[in-house]
């Protein structure tokens, strides 16, 4: 039997409260693809990161670029670890 952790889905309103963002901003982040449509704890972390970047004066286009670069760097780091493990 395969076990998996079921992630709790979070509503836009709850996500907005927990991240100090307006629900309209959370919806915009979903629309822009900055977070997934199914809000989970992982998306809340991204929304908090978005809030911090926005507070630094970075617009949504800039935040999008930063988050995509961050995800790409993480993927490359995982690939490097995988390659080093298989030596």
N, C-alpha and C. Protein backbone atom coordinates (compact mmCIF):
# COMPACT_ATOMS: atom_id res chain seq x y z
N UNK A 1 0.84 -1.17 0.00
CA UNK A 1 0.00 0.00 0.00
C UNK A 1 0.89 1.25 0.00
N UNK A 2 0.61 2.17 -0.89
CA UNK A 2 1.38 3.40 -1.00
C UNK A 2 0.77 4.47 -0.11
N UNK A 3 1.61 5.06 0.71
CA UNK A 3 1.14 6.15 1.57
C UNK A 3 1.54 7.47 0.93
N UNK A 4 0.72 8.45 1.05
CA UNK A 4 1.03 9.80 0.58
C UNK A 4 0.40 10.80 1.52
N UNK A 5 1.04 11.94 1.58
CA UNK A 5 0.52 13.01 2.43
C UNK A 5 -0.46 13.83 1.63
N UNK A 6 -1.66 13.91 2.13
CA UNK A 6 -2.68 14.71 1.46
C UNK A 6 -2.54 16.15 1.93
N UNK A 7 -2.38 17.05 0.98
CA UNK A 7 -2.25 18.46 1.32
C UNK A 7 -3.64 19.08 1.45
N UNK A 8 -3.82 19.87 2.46
CA UNK A 8 -5.08 20.56 2.69
C UNK A 8 -5.18 21.74 1.75
N UNK A 9 -6.31 21.84 1.07
CA UNK A 9 -6.54 22.98 0.18
C UNK A 9 -6.98 24.17 1.02
N UNK A 10 -6.47 25.33 0.64
CA UNK A 10 -6.73 26.56 1.39
C UNK A 10 -7.52 27.51 0.49
N UNK A 11 -8.52 28.17 1.05
CA UNK A 11 -9.30 29.12 0.25
C UNK A 11 -8.49 30.41 0.04
N UNK A 12 -8.91 31.16 -0.94
CA UNK A 12 -8.25 32.43 -1.25
C UNK A 12 -8.33 33.37 -0.05
N UNK A 13 -9.49 33.40 0.61
CA UNK A 13 -9.67 34.29 1.75
C UNK A 13 -8.73 33.92 2.90
N UNK A 14 -8.61 32.63 3.18
CA UNK A 14 -7.72 32.18 4.25
C UNK A 14 -6.26 32.46 3.87
N UNK A 15 -5.92 32.21 2.62
CA UNK A 15 -4.56 32.48 2.15
C UNK A 15 -4.23 33.96 2.29
N UNK A 16 -5.19 34.80 1.95
CA UNK A 16 -4.99 36.25 2.06
C UNK A 16 -4.75 36.64 3.52
N UNK A 17 -5.54 36.10 4.42
CA UNK A 17 -5.38 36.42 5.84
C UNK A 17 -4.02 35.94 6.36
N UNK A 18 -3.62 34.74 5.99
CA UNK A 18 -2.39 34.16 6.51
C UNK A 18 -1.13 34.79 5.91
N UNK A 19 -1.26 35.45 4.78
CA UNK A 19 -0.09 36.05 4.13
C UNK A 19 -0.10 37.58 4.15
N UNK A 20 -1.12 38.17 4.76
CA UNK A 20 -1.27 39.63 4.79
C UNK A 20 -1.35 40.23 3.39
N UNK A 21 -2.01 39.52 2.49
CA UNK A 21 -2.26 40.03 1.15
C UNK A 21 -3.77 40.21 0.97
N UNK A 22 -4.15 41.10 0.10
CA UNK A 22 -5.57 41.28 -0.23
C UNK A 22 -5.99 40.10 -1.10
N UNK A 23 -7.22 39.60 -0.94
CA UNK A 23 -7.68 38.48 -1.78
C UNK A 23 -7.52 38.75 -3.28
N UNK A 24 -7.67 40.01 -3.68
CA UNK A 24 -7.50 40.37 -5.09
C UNK A 24 -6.07 40.09 -5.55
N UNK A 25 -5.09 40.34 -4.67
CA UNK A 25 -3.69 40.08 -5.00
C UNK A 25 -3.44 38.58 -5.10
N UNK A 26 -4.05 37.81 -4.20
CA UNK A 26 -3.90 36.35 -4.26
C UNK A 26 -4.46 35.83 -5.58
N UNK A 27 -5.63 36.34 -5.98
CA UNK A 27 -6.23 35.93 -7.26
C UNK A 27 -5.32 36.31 -8.43
N UNK A 28 -4.71 37.48 -8.36
CA UNK A 28 -3.80 37.92 -9.42
C UNK A 28 -2.58 37.00 -9.50
N UNK A 29 -2.08 36.58 -8.34
CA UNK A 29 -0.93 35.66 -8.32
C UNK A 29 -1.30 34.33 -8.96
N UNK A 30 -2.51 33.88 -8.72
CA UNK A 30 -2.97 32.63 -9.34
C UNK A 30 -3.10 32.83 -10.85
N UNK A 31 -3.72 33.94 -11.25
CA UNK A 31 -3.92 34.23 -12.67
C UNK A 31 -2.58 34.32 -13.42
N UNK A 32 -1.57 34.94 -12.80
CA UNK A 32 -0.25 35.09 -13.41
C UNK A 32 0.55 33.80 -13.38
N UNK A 33 0.06 32.80 -12.64
CA UNK A 33 0.78 31.54 -12.55
C UNK A 33 1.91 31.57 -11.53
N UNK A 34 1.91 32.58 -10.65
CA UNK A 34 2.95 32.66 -9.63
C UNK A 34 2.75 31.60 -8.56
N UNK A 35 1.51 31.20 -8.34
CA UNK A 35 1.18 30.07 -7.45
C UNK A 35 0.13 29.23 -8.15
N UNK A 36 -0.01 28.00 -7.72
CA UNK A 36 -1.00 27.11 -8.30
C UNK A 36 -2.42 27.48 -7.92
N UNK A 37 -3.36 26.97 -8.70
CA UNK A 37 -4.77 27.25 -8.42
C UNK A 37 -5.23 26.57 -7.14
N UNK A 38 -4.64 25.41 -6.82
CA UNK A 38 -4.95 24.72 -5.59
C UNK A 38 -3.98 25.21 -4.53
N UNK A 39 -4.47 26.06 -3.65
CA UNK A 39 -3.61 26.66 -2.64
C UNK A 39 -3.32 25.68 -1.51
N UNK A 40 -2.03 25.48 -1.24
CA UNK A 40 -1.57 24.60 -0.17
C UNK A 40 -0.55 25.36 0.67
N UNK A 41 0.04 24.71 1.64
CA UNK A 41 1.07 25.34 2.46
C UNK A 41 2.25 25.81 1.60
N UNK A 42 2.60 25.04 0.56
CA UNK A 42 3.70 25.44 -0.32
C UNK A 42 3.38 26.76 -1.03
N UNK A 43 2.13 26.90 -1.47
CA UNK A 43 1.73 28.14 -2.13
C UNK A 43 1.71 29.30 -1.15
N UNK A 44 1.37 29.03 0.12
CA UNK A 44 1.40 30.10 1.12
C UNK A 44 2.83 30.62 1.28
N UNK A 45 3.80 29.73 1.25
CA UNK A 45 5.20 30.16 1.33
C UNK A 45 5.56 31.05 0.15
N UNK A 46 5.09 30.66 -1.05
CA UNK A 46 5.35 31.47 -2.24
C UNK A 46 4.66 32.82 -2.12
N UNK A 47 3.43 32.84 -1.61
CA UNK A 47 2.71 34.10 -1.45
C UNK A 47 3.43 35.02 -0.46
N UNK A 48 3.98 34.45 0.59
CA UNK A 48 4.76 35.27 1.54
C UNK A 48 6.01 35.82 0.86
N UNK A 49 6.64 35.01 0.03
CA UNK A 49 7.82 35.47 -0.73
C UNK A 49 7.41 36.60 -1.68
N UNK A 50 6.26 36.44 -2.32
CA UNK A 50 5.75 37.47 -3.24
C UNK A 50 5.51 38.76 -2.47
N UNK A 51 4.91 38.64 -1.28
CA UNK A 51 4.66 39.84 -0.45
C UNK A 51 5.97 40.55 -0.12
N UNK A 52 7.01 39.78 0.25
CA UNK A 52 8.30 40.40 0.59
C UNK A 52 8.91 41.09 -0.63
N UNK A 53 8.87 40.43 -1.79
CA UNK A 53 9.43 41.03 -3.00
C UNK A 53 8.65 42.29 -3.38
N UNK A 54 7.34 42.23 -3.25
CA UNK A 54 6.51 43.39 -3.56
C UNK A 54 6.82 44.55 -2.62
N UNK A 55 7.05 44.24 -1.34
CA UNK A 55 7.37 45.31 -0.38
C UNK A 55 8.71 45.96 -0.70
N UNK A 56 9.56 45.28 -1.46
CA UNK A 56 10.83 45.86 -1.90
C UNK A 56 10.66 46.73 -3.14
N UNK A 57 9.40 46.82 -3.64
CA UNK A 57 9.13 47.67 -4.80
C UNK A 57 9.20 46.95 -6.13
N UNK A 58 9.26 45.62 -6.11
CA UNK A 58 9.35 44.85 -7.35
C UNK A 58 7.94 44.60 -7.87
N UNK A 59 7.73 44.86 -9.16
CA UNK A 59 6.40 44.67 -9.74
C UNK A 59 6.17 43.19 -10.07
N UNK A 60 4.94 42.86 -10.50
CA UNK A 60 4.59 41.47 -10.74
C UNK A 60 5.44 40.83 -11.84
N UNK A 61 5.77 41.57 -12.87
CA UNK A 61 6.61 41.01 -13.93
C UNK A 61 7.99 40.65 -13.37
N UNK A 62 8.54 41.51 -12.54
CA UNK A 62 9.83 41.23 -11.92
C UNK A 62 9.76 40.07 -10.96
N UNK A 63 8.69 40.00 -10.19
CA UNK A 63 8.49 38.88 -9.26
C UNK A 63 8.39 37.58 -10.04
N UNK A 64 7.69 37.60 -11.15
CA UNK A 64 7.56 36.41 -12.00
C UNK A 64 8.94 35.92 -12.44
N UNK A 65 9.78 36.82 -12.91
CA UNK A 65 11.13 36.46 -13.36
C UNK A 65 11.94 35.88 -12.19
N UNK A 66 11.89 36.53 -11.06
CA UNK A 66 12.65 36.08 -9.88
C UNK A 66 12.21 34.68 -9.45
N UNK A 67 10.91 34.45 -9.39
CA UNK A 67 10.41 33.14 -8.96
C UNK A 67 10.76 32.05 -9.97
N UNK A 68 10.67 32.36 -11.27
CA UNK A 68 11.06 31.37 -12.28
C UNK A 68 12.55 31.04 -12.19
N UNK A 69 13.38 32.05 -11.99
CA UNK A 69 14.83 31.81 -11.85
C UNK A 69 15.10 30.98 -10.60
N UNK A 70 14.41 31.29 -9.52
CA UNK A 70 14.59 30.55 -8.27
C UNK A 70 14.23 29.07 -8.45
N UNK A 71 13.11 28.82 -9.11
CA UNK A 71 12.70 27.43 -9.36
C UNK A 71 13.69 26.71 -10.26
N UNK A 72 14.21 27.41 -11.25
CA UNK A 72 15.19 26.81 -12.17
C UNK A 72 16.48 26.48 -11.42
N UNK A 73 16.93 27.38 -10.56
CA UNK A 73 18.14 27.13 -9.76
C UNK A 73 17.93 25.92 -8.86
N UNK A 74 16.76 25.81 -8.24
CA UNK A 74 16.48 24.66 -7.39
C UNK A 74 16.50 23.37 -8.19
N UNK A 75 15.94 23.39 -9.39
CA UNK A 75 15.94 22.20 -10.25
C UNK A 75 17.37 21.82 -10.65
N UNK A 76 18.18 22.82 -10.97
CA UNK A 76 19.57 22.55 -11.33
C UNK A 76 20.36 22.00 -10.15
N UNK A 77 20.12 22.53 -8.95
CA UNK A 77 20.79 22.02 -7.76
C UNK A 77 20.40 20.57 -7.50
N UNK A 78 19.13 20.25 -7.69
CA UNK A 78 18.68 18.87 -7.50
C UNK A 78 19.33 17.95 -8.53
N UNK A 79 19.47 18.43 -9.75
CA UNK A 79 20.12 17.65 -10.81
C UNK A 79 21.59 17.41 -10.48
N UNK A 80 22.27 18.43 -9.99
CA UNK A 80 23.68 18.29 -9.60
C UNK A 80 23.81 17.25 -8.48
N UNK A 81 22.94 17.33 -7.49
CA UNK A 81 22.97 16.36 -6.40
C UNK A 81 22.74 14.95 -6.91
N UNK A 82 21.79 14.80 -7.84
CA UNK A 82 21.50 13.48 -8.41
C UNK A 82 22.72 12.94 -9.14
N UNK A 83 23.36 13.79 -9.95
CA UNK A 83 24.55 13.37 -10.70
C UNK A 83 25.70 13.00 -9.78
N UNK A 84 25.89 13.77 -8.73
CA UNK A 84 26.98 13.48 -7.78
C UNK A 84 26.72 12.18 -7.03
N UNK A 85 25.48 11.89 -6.74
CA UNK A 85 25.12 10.67 -6.04
C UNK A 85 25.36 9.44 -6.93
N UNK A 86 25.17 9.59 -8.23
CA UNK A 86 25.31 8.46 -9.16
C UNK A 86 26.73 8.26 -9.67
N UNK A 87 27.70 8.92 -9.10
CA UNK A 87 29.08 8.76 -9.56
C UNK A 87 29.58 7.39 -9.28
